[in-house]
C-alpha atoms as a PDB file:
ATOM      1  CA  MET A   1     -93.621-133.732 -14.222  1.00  0.00           C
ATOM      2  CA  ARG A   2     -90.132-135.062 -13.563  1.00  0.00           C
ATOM      3  CA  ILE A   3     -87.951-135.768 -16.611  1.00  0.00           C
ATOM      4  CA  LYS A   4     -85.861-138.877 -16.103  1.00  0.00           C
ATOM      5  CA  ALA A   5     -82.128-138.599 -16.702  1.00  0.00           C
ATOM      6  CA  ASN A   6     -82.102-141.391 -19.299  1.00  0.00           C
ATOM      7  CA  SER A   7     -85.164-140.157 -21.215  1.00  0.00           C
ATOM      8  CA  PRO A   8     -84.882-138.779 -24.791  1.00  0.00           C
ATOM      9  CA  ALA A   9     -86.312-135.443 -23.609  1.00  0.00           C
ATOM     10  CA  ALA A  10     -83.592-134.983 -20.990  1.00  0.00           C
ATOM     11  CA  LEU A  11     -80.821-135.825 -23.432  1.00  0.00           C
ATOM     12  CA  ALA A  12     -82.306-133.501 -26.048  1.00  0.00           C
ATOM     13  CA  ILE A  13     -82.416-130.599 -23.565  1.00  0.00           C
ATOM     14  CA  VAL A  14     -78.750-130.980 -22.609  1.00  0.00           C
ATOM     15  CA  VAL A  15     -77.549-131.505 -26.198  1.00  0.00           C
ATOM     16  CA  SER A  16     -79.533-128.458 -27.349  1.00  0.00           C
ATOM     17  CA  PHE A  17     -77.952-126.379 -24.560  1.00  0.00           C
ATOM     18  CA  PHE A  18     -74.493-127.428 -25.764  1.00  0.00           C
ATOM     19  CA  PHE A  19     -75.151-126.521 -29.383  1.00  0.00           C
ATOM     20  CA  CYS A  20     -76.810-123.193 -28.539  1.00  0.00           C
ATOM     21  CA  ALA A  21     -73.899-122.192 -26.329  1.00  0.00           C
ATOM     22  CA  LEU A  22     -71.325-123.159 -28.929  1.00  0.00           C
ATOM     23  CA  SER A  23     -73.123-121.446 -31.794  1.00  0.00           C
ATOM     24  CA  SER A  24     -73.253-118.200 -29.793  1.00  0.00           C
ATOM     25  CA  THR A  25     -69.524-118.228 -29.094  1.00  0.00           C
ATOM     26  CA  ASN A  26     -67.106-116.502 -31.428  1.00  0.00           C
ATOM     27  CA  VAL A  27     -63.999-118.701 -31.368  1.00  0.00           C
ATOM     28  CA  HIS A  28     -60.696-117.802 -32.993  1.00  0.00           C
ATOM     29  CA  ALA A  29     -57.727-120.140 -33.413  1.00  0.00           C
ATOM     30  CA  GLY A  30     -55.549-117.978 -31.196  1.00  0.00           C
ATOM     31  CA  ASP A  31     -58.047-118.204 -28.328  1.00  0.00           C
ATOM     32  CA  SER A  32     -57.593-121.961 -27.775  1.00  0.00           C
ATOM     33  CA  ARG A  33     -56.720-122.887 -24.212  1.00  0.00           C
ATOM     34  CA  TRP A  34     -56.491-126.285 -22.580  1.00  0.00           C
ATOM     35  CA  GLN A  35     -56.639-127.186 -18.922  1.00  0.00           C
ATOM     36  CA  ILE A  36     -56.203-130.520 -17.177  1.00  0.00           C
ATOM     37  CA  ARG A  37     -57.413-131.319 -13.651  1.00  0.00           C
ATOM     38  CA  ILE A  38     -56.580-134.346 -11.475  1.00  0.00           C
ATOM     39  CA  ALA A  39     -58.362-134.783  -8.151  1.00  0.00           C
ATOM     40  CA  GLY A  40     -59.226-137.069  -5.284  1.00  0.00           C
ATOM     41  CA  LEU A  41     -62.951-137.294  -4.609  1.00  0.00           C
ATOM     42  CA  SER A  42     -65.672-138.478  -2.289  1.00  0.00           C
ATOM     43  CA  MET A  43     -68.932-139.820  -3.735  1.00  0.00           C
ATOM     44  CA  LYS A  44     -72.100-139.975  -1.599  1.00  0.00           C
ATOM     45  CA  PRO A  45     -75.267-141.511  -3.098  1.00  0.00           C
ATOM     46  CA  THR A  46     -78.433-139.732  -1.984  1.00  0.00           C
ATOM     47  CA  GLY A  47     -80.864-142.567  -2.770  1.00  0.00           C
ATOM     48  CA  ASP A  48     -82.291-144.622   0.089  1.00  0.00           C
ATOM     49  CA  THR A  49     -84.702-147.214  -1.373  1.00  0.00           C
ATOM     50  CA  VAL A  50     -84.482-150.185  -3.733  1.00  0.00           C
ATOM     51  CA  PHE A  51     -87.692-150.795  -5.695  1.00  0.00           C
ATOM     52  CA  LEU A  52     -88.549-154.321  -6.902  1.00  0.00           C
ATOM     53  CA  PRO A  53     -90.991-153.887  -9.829  1.00  0.00           C
ATOM     54  CA  GLU A  54     -92.109-157.535  -9.902  1.00  0.00           C
ATOM     55  CA  SER A  55     -93.332-157.585  -6.285  1.00  0.00           C
ATOM     56  CA  GLY A  56     -93.810-153.855  -5.676  1.00  0.00           C
ATOM     57  CA  GLU A  57     -91.601-154.160  -2.576  1.00  0.00           C
ATOM     58  CA  ARG A  58     -89.433-151.277  -1.412  1.00  0.00           C
ATOM     59  CA  ILE A  59     -86.263-152.049   0.559  1.00  0.00           C
ATOM     60  CA  PRO A  60     -84.609-149.165   2.466  1.00  0.00           C
ATOM     61  CA  TYR A  61     -80.832-148.831   2.666  1.00  0.00           C
ATOM     62  CA  ASP A  62     -78.151-146.461   3.905  1.00  0.00           C
ATOM     63  CA  ALA A  63     -75.451-145.204   1.546  1.00  0.00           C
ATOM     64  CA  GLY A  64     -72.012-144.199   2.782  1.00  0.00           C
ATOM     65  CA  LYS A  65     -69.255-142.246   1.099  1.00  0.00           C
ATOM     66  CA  GLY A  66     -66.846-143.878  -1.302  1.00  0.00           C
ATOM     67  CA  TYR A  67     -63.469-142.465  -2.251  1.00  0.00           C
ATOM     68  CA  GLY A  68     -61.741-142.404  -5.602  1.00  0.00           C
ATOM     69  CA  PHE A  69     -60.242-140.060  -8.166  1.00  0.00           C
ATOM     70  CA  GLY A  70     -61.092-138.134 -11.287  1.00  0.00           C
ATOM     71  CA  ILE A  71     -59.462-136.507 -14.286  1.00  0.00           C
ATOM     72  CA  ASP A  72     -60.834-134.029 -16.809  1.00  0.00           C
ATOM     73  CA  LEU A  73     -59.673-131.963 -19.749  1.00  0.00           C
ATOM     74  CA  GLU A  74     -61.268-128.611 -20.525  1.00  0.00           C
ATOM     75  CA  TYR A  75     -61.093-126.785 -23.836  1.00  0.00           C
ATOM     76  CA  ARG A  76     -61.608-123.032 -23.378  1.00  0.00           C
ATOM     77  CA  ALA A  77     -63.708-122.109 -26.405  1.00  0.00           C
ATOM     78  CA  SER A  78     -63.807-118.483 -25.292  1.00  0.00           C
ATOM     79  CA  ARG A  79     -62.936-116.315 -22.322  1.00  0.00           C
ATOM     80  CA  ARG A  80     -66.047-117.424 -20.421  1.00  0.00           C
ATOM     81  CA  LEU A  81     -67.029-120.738 -22.024  1.00  0.00           C
ATOM     82  CA  GLY A  82     -65.272-124.084 -21.554  1.00  0.00           C
ATOM     83  CA  ILE A  83     -66.093-127.584 -22.849  1.00  0.00           C
ATOM     84  CA  ASP A  84     -65.176-130.226 -20.309  1.00  0.00           C
ATOM     85  CA  PHE A  85     -64.569-133.973 -20.757  1.00  0.00           C
ATOM     86  CA  GLY A  86     -63.753-136.240 -17.841  1.00  0.00           C
ATOM     87  CA  VAL A  87     -64.107-139.452 -15.892  1.00  0.00           C
ATOM     88  CA  LEU A  88     -64.746-140.061 -12.183  1.00  0.00           C
ATOM     89  CA  THR A  89     -64.673-143.324 -10.248  1.00  0.00           C
ATOM     90  CA  ALA A  90     -65.398-144.373  -6.654  1.00  0.00           C
ATOM     91  CA  THR A  91     -66.857-147.259  -4.616  1.00  0.00           C
ATOM     92  CA  PRO A  92     -69.511-146.009  -2.170  1.00  0.00           C
ATOM     93  CA  VAL A  93     -70.853-148.370   0.518  1.00  0.00           C
ATOM     94  CA  ILE A  94     -74.491-149.523   0.525  1.00  0.00           C
ATOM     95  CA  ASP A  95     -75.856-151.095   3.744  1.00  0.00           C
ATOM     96  CA  VAL A  96     -79.177-152.960   3.805  1.00  0.00           C
ATOM     97  CA  LEU A  97     -80.957-154.098   6.995  1.00  0.00           C
ATOM     98  CA  ILE A  98     -82.552-157.456   6.083  1.00  0.00           C
ATOM     99  CA  ASP A  99     -83.973-158.517   9.455  1.00  0.00           C
ATOM    100  CA  GLU A 100     -84.396-156.034  12.322  1.00  0.00           C
ATOM    101  CA  VAL A 101     -85.233-158.771  14.870  1.00  0.00           C
ATOM    102  CA  GLY A 102     -82.229-160.957  14.089  1.00  0.00           C
ATOM    103  CA  VAL A 103     -80.009-157.971  13.286  1.00  0.00           C
ATOM    104  CA  ILE A 104     -79.118-159.357   9.874  1.00  0.00           C
ATOM    105  CA  SER A 105     -77.629-156.858   7.452  1.00  0.00           C
ATOM    106  CA  ALA A 106     -75.877-156.880   4.101  1.00  0.00           C
ATOM    107  CA  SER A 107     -73.473-154.538   2.378  1.00  0.00           C
ATOM    108  CA  ALA A 108     -72.132-153.934  -1.106  1.00  0.00           C
ATOM    109  CA  GLN A 109     -69.567-151.670  -2.766  1.00  0.00           C
ATOM    110  CA  PRO A 110     -70.382-151.198  -6.450  1.00  0.00           C
ATOM    111  CA  ARG A 111     -67.876-149.172  -8.436  1.00  0.00           C
ATOM    112  CA  ILE A 112     -69.565-146.161 -10.029  1.00  0.00           C
ATOM    113  CA  THR A 113     -67.767-144.536 -12.975  1.00  0.00           C
ATOM    114  CA  PRO A 114     -69.381-141.551 -14.725  1.00  0.00           C
ATOM    115  CA  VAL A 115     -67.814-140.597 -18.062  1.00  0.00           C
ATOM    116  CA  TYR A 116     -69.075-137.102 -18.784  1.00  0.00           C
ATOM    117  CA  ALA A 117     -69.105-134.038 -20.982  1.00  0.00           C
ATOM    118  CA  GLY A 118     -69.846-130.663 -19.465  1.00  0.00           C
ATOM    119  CA  LEU A 119     -70.269-127.029 -20.392  1.00  0.00           C
ATOM    120  CA  ASN A 120     -68.497-124.644 -17.992  1.00  0.00           C
ATOM    121  CA  VAL A 121     -69.612-121.030 -17.761  1.00  0.00           C
ATOM    122  CA  HIS A 122     -66.780-119.076 -16.089  1.00  0.00           C
ATOM    123  CA  LEU A 123     -68.081-116.224 -13.947  1.00  0.00           C
ATOM    124  CA  THR A 124     -64.699-114.713 -12.990  1.00  0.00           C
ATOM    125  CA  PRO A 125     -62.372-115.769 -15.828  1.00  0.00           C
ATOM    126  CA  ASP A 126     -59.756-113.063 -15.249  1.00  0.00           C
ATOM    127  CA  ASP A 127     -59.445-113.397 -11.469  1.00  0.00           C
ATOM    128  CA  GLN A 128     -57.101-115.556  -9.416  1.00  0.00           C
ATOM    129  CA  PHE A 129     -60.237-117.306  -8.113  1.00  0.00           C
ATOM    130  CA  ASP A 130     -62.019-118.582 -11.243  1.00  0.00           C
ATOM    131  CA  LEU A 131     -65.567-119.673 -10.357  1.00  0.00           C
ATOM    132  CA  TYR A 132     -67.604-121.639 -12.904  1.00  0.00           C
ATOM    133  CA  PHE A 133     -70.746-123.741 -13.226  1.00  0.00           C
ATOM    134  CA  GLY A 134     -72.688-125.642 -15.874  1.00  0.00           C
ATOM    135  CA  PRO A 135     -74.635-128.748 -16.941  1.00  0.00           C
ATOM    136  CA  LEU A 136     -73.275-132.293 -17.300  1.00  0.00           C
ATOM    137  CA  LEU A 137     -74.233-135.196 -19.521  1.00  0.00           C
ATOM    138  CA  ALA A 138     -72.804-138.530 -18.332  1.00  0.00           C
ATOM    139  CA  TYR A 139     -72.674-142.200 -19.243  1.00  0.00           C
ATOM    140  CA  VAL A 140     -72.514-143.972 -15.880  1.00  0.00           C
ATOM    141  CA  ILE A 141     -70.785-147.370 -15.725  1.00  0.00           C
ATOM    142  CA  TYR A 142     -71.843-149.588 -12.816  1.00  0.00           C
ATOM    143  CA  SER A 143     -69.642-152.571 -11.970  1.00  0.00           C
ATOM    144  CA  SER A 144     -71.032-155.944 -10.956  1.00  0.00           C
ATOM    145  CA  PHE A 145     -70.833-156.435  -7.187  1.00  0.00           C
ATOM    146  CA  ASP A 146     -71.265-158.913  -4.345  1.00  0.00           C
ATOM    147  CA  LEU A 147     -73.831-158.414  -1.605  1.00  0.00           C
ATOM    148  CA  VAL A 148     -72.231-159.706   1.611  1.00  0.00           C
ATOM    149  CA  VAL A 149     -74.594-160.844   4.391  1.00  0.00           C
ATOM    150  CA  ASP A 150     -73.453-160.276   7.985  1.00  0.00           C
ATOM    151  CA  PRO A 151     -72.873-162.116  10.339  1.00  0.00           C
ATOM    152  CA  TRP A 152     -72.493-165.217   8.133  1.00  0.00           C
ATOM    153  CA  PHE A 153     -70.427-163.581   5.349  1.00  0.00           C
ATOM    154  CA  LEU A 154     -72.556-165.200   2.671  1.00  0.00           C
ATOM    155  CA  THR A 155     -72.283-163.543  -0.721  1.00  0.00           C
ATOM    156  CA  GLU A 156     -74.586-163.172  -3.685  1.00  0.00           C
ATOM    157  CA  GLY A 157     -73.398-161.720  -6.970  1.00  0.00           C
ATOM    158  CA  PHE A 158     -75.328-159.004  -8.789  1.00  0.00           C
ATOM    159  CA  VAL A 159     -75.063-157.917 -12.417  1.00  0.00           C
ATOM    160  CA  THR A 160     -75.819-154.309 -13.307  1.00  0.00           C
ATOM    161  CA  GLN A 161     -76.938-152.135 -16.187  1.00  0.00           C
ATOM    162  CA  ASN A 162     -75.217-148.914 -17.160  1.00  0.00           C
ATOM    163  CA  ASP A 163     -77.216-145.697 -17.350  1.00  0.00           C
ATOM    164  CA  PHE A 164     -77.213-142.176 -18.766  1.00  0.00           C
ATOM    165  CA  GLY A 165     -77.364-139.282 -16.341  1.00  0.00           C
ATOM    166  CA  ILE A 166     -77.661-135.511 -16.319  1.00  0.00           C
ATOM    167  CA  GLY A 167     -76.369-133.191 -13.636  1.00  0.00           C
ATOM    168  CA  VAL A 168     -74.719-129.952 -12.627  1.00  0.00           C
ATOM    169  CA  ASN A 169     -71.147-128.927 -11.926  1.00  0.00           C
ATOM    170  CA  LEU A 170     -69.825-126.131  -9.698  1.00  0.00           C
ATOM    171  CA  GLY A 171     -66.090-125.525  -9.572  1.00  0.00           C
ATOM    172  CA  LEU A 172     -63.351-123.196  -8.392  1.00  0.00           C
ATOM    173  CA  ASP A 173     -59.857-122.900  -9.892  1.00  0.00           C
ATOM    174  CA  ILE A 174     -57.263-121.001  -7.848  1.00  0.00           C
ATOM    175  CA  ARG A 175     -54.279-119.844  -9.898  1.00  0.00           C
ATOM    176  CA  LEU A 176     -50.833-120.220  -8.323  1.00  0.00           C
ATOM    177  CA  GLY A 177     -48.768-117.489  -9.905  1.00  0.00           C
ATOM    178  CA  ASP A 178     -48.056-117.333 -13.643  1.00  0.00           C
ATOM    179  CA  ALA A 179     -46.638-120.823 -14.198  1.00  0.00           C
ATOM    180  CA  GLY A 180     -50.005-122.369 -15.082  1.00  0.00           C
ATOM    181  CA  TRP A 181     -50.571-124.410 -11.930  1.00  0.00           C
ATOM    182  CA  LEU A 182     -53.916-124.456 -10.108  1.00  0.00           C
ATOM    183  CA  VAL A 183     -55.550-125.714  -6.940  1.00  0.00           C
ATOM    184  CA  ILE A 184     -59.043-126.950  -7.820  1.00  0.00           C
ATOM    185  CA  ALA A 185     -62.249-127.829  -5.974  1.00  0.00           C
ATOM    186  CA  THR A 186     -65.519-129.017  -7.512  1.00  0.00           C
ATOM    187  CA  PHE A 187     -68.993-130.189  -6.564  1.00  0.00           C
ATOM    188  CA  LYS A 188     -71.057-132.331  -8.941  1.00  0.00           C
ATOM    189  CA  TYR A 189     -74.532-133.812  -8.677  1.00  0.00           C
ATOM    190  CA  LEU A 190     -75.815-136.504 -11.048  1.00  0.00           C
ATOM    191  CA  ASP A 191     -79.321-137.858 -11.591  1.00  0.00           C
ATOM    192  CA  THR A 192     -78.736-141.537 -12.414  1.00  0.00           C
ATOM    193  CA  THR A 193     -80.386-144.906 -11.694  1.00  0.00           C
ATOM    194  CA  LEU A 194     -78.778-148.240 -10.783  1.00  0.00           C
ATOM    195  CA  GLU A 195     -80.511-151.430 -11.937  1.00  0.00           C
ATOM    196  CA  ALA A 196     -79.078-154.686 -10.567  1.00  0.00           C
ATOM    197  CA  SER A 197     -80.161-158.295 -10.278  1.00  0.00           C
ATOM    198  CA  PRO A 198     -78.865-161.689  -9.102  1.00  0.00           C
ATOM    199  CA  PRO A 199     -78.518-164.305 -11.886  1.00  0.00           C
ATOM    200  CA  ASP A 200     -81.936-165.536 -13.109  1.00  0.00           C
ATOM    201  CA  GLU A 201     -83.872-163.338 -10.647  1.00  0.00           C
ATOM    202  CA  GLY A 202     -85.812-160.079 -10.707  1.00  0.00           C
ATOM    203  CA  THR A 203     -84.244-156.650 -11.151  1.00  0.00           C
ATOM    204  CA  GLY A 204     -84.066-154.043  -8.406  1.00  0.00           C
ATOM    205  CA  ARG A 205     -83.877-150.332  -9.147  1.00  0.00           C
ATOM    206  CA  THR A 206     -82.657-147.387  -7.086  1.00  0.00           C
ATOM    207  CA  ASP A 207     -81.930-143.709  -7.748  1.00  0.00           C
ATOM    208  CA  ILE A 208     -78.240-143.405  -6.863  1.00  0.00           C
ATOM    209  CA  ASP A 209     -78.100-139.617  -7.533  1.00  0.00           C
ATOM    210  CA  PRO A 210     -74.605-139.052  -6.086  1.00  0.00           C
ATOM    211  CA  MET A 211     -73.085-135.879  -4.697  1.00  0.00           C
ATOM    212  CA  ILE A 212     -69.404-135.750  -5.666  1.00  0.00           C
ATOM    213  CA  PHE A 213     -66.821-133.507  -3.988  1.00  0.00           C
ATOM    214  CA  SER A 214     -63.326-133.219  -5.525  1.00  0.00           C
ATOM    215  CA  VAL A 215     -60.097-131.490  -4.493  1.00  0.00           C
ATOM    216  CA  GLY A 216     -56.894-131.591  -6.494  1.00  0.00           C
ATOM    217  CA  VAL A 217     -54.503-129.811  -8.808  1.00  0.00           C
ATOM    218  CA  GLY A 218     -54.652-128.553 -12.351  1.00  0.00           C
ATOM    219  CA  TYR A 219     -52.507-127.090 -15.098  1.00  0.00           C
ATOM    220  CA  HIS A 220     -53.520-124.794 -17.965  1.00  0.00           C
ATOM    221  CA  PHE A 221     -51.599-124.464 -21.208  1.00  0.00           C
END
């Protein structure tokens, strides 16, 4: 049985993981370490179908990459364990084919902004190449957007609902000497659902589930 990202069970699992990890870590005041990362990113939704609950209709779509940026701050609770807080934002492209015969299509670019907390388990904390991974818990903010119909350039506005999401994070920090600077690369995957509707009409739902690749710089202090 699949546990939905915004279900109480999913949130309880992630929160329990956080508390268990923290309670098993012996932290001393002198061990505190902070690290900031700033990166450019590409976000690619992996969903491909909008479901309309009222009619039972399923509308296929293609999702293209959107580009944006992200920033996060990690507190190193111990040599191997870090607690990460961050925000990502991008505007991926969604293309819908409305009429195959008349070649009528529509496109939209909703802004997707996950605000997340993560637990990083560092596998090689003492090496120049610091590899880490861990779970994420996110609150995903979806902007309202316009669906633009081609070739007439008609637009219809959609309002959205925000969502909780859970996911995974895989990252690599490359230390540049002893000055504290880093080159960073990360991959994140989030399980999250977008619900959107035109004014006074039914709601459509799709699993956005984005893959997010980031490259940037960091500094630890």
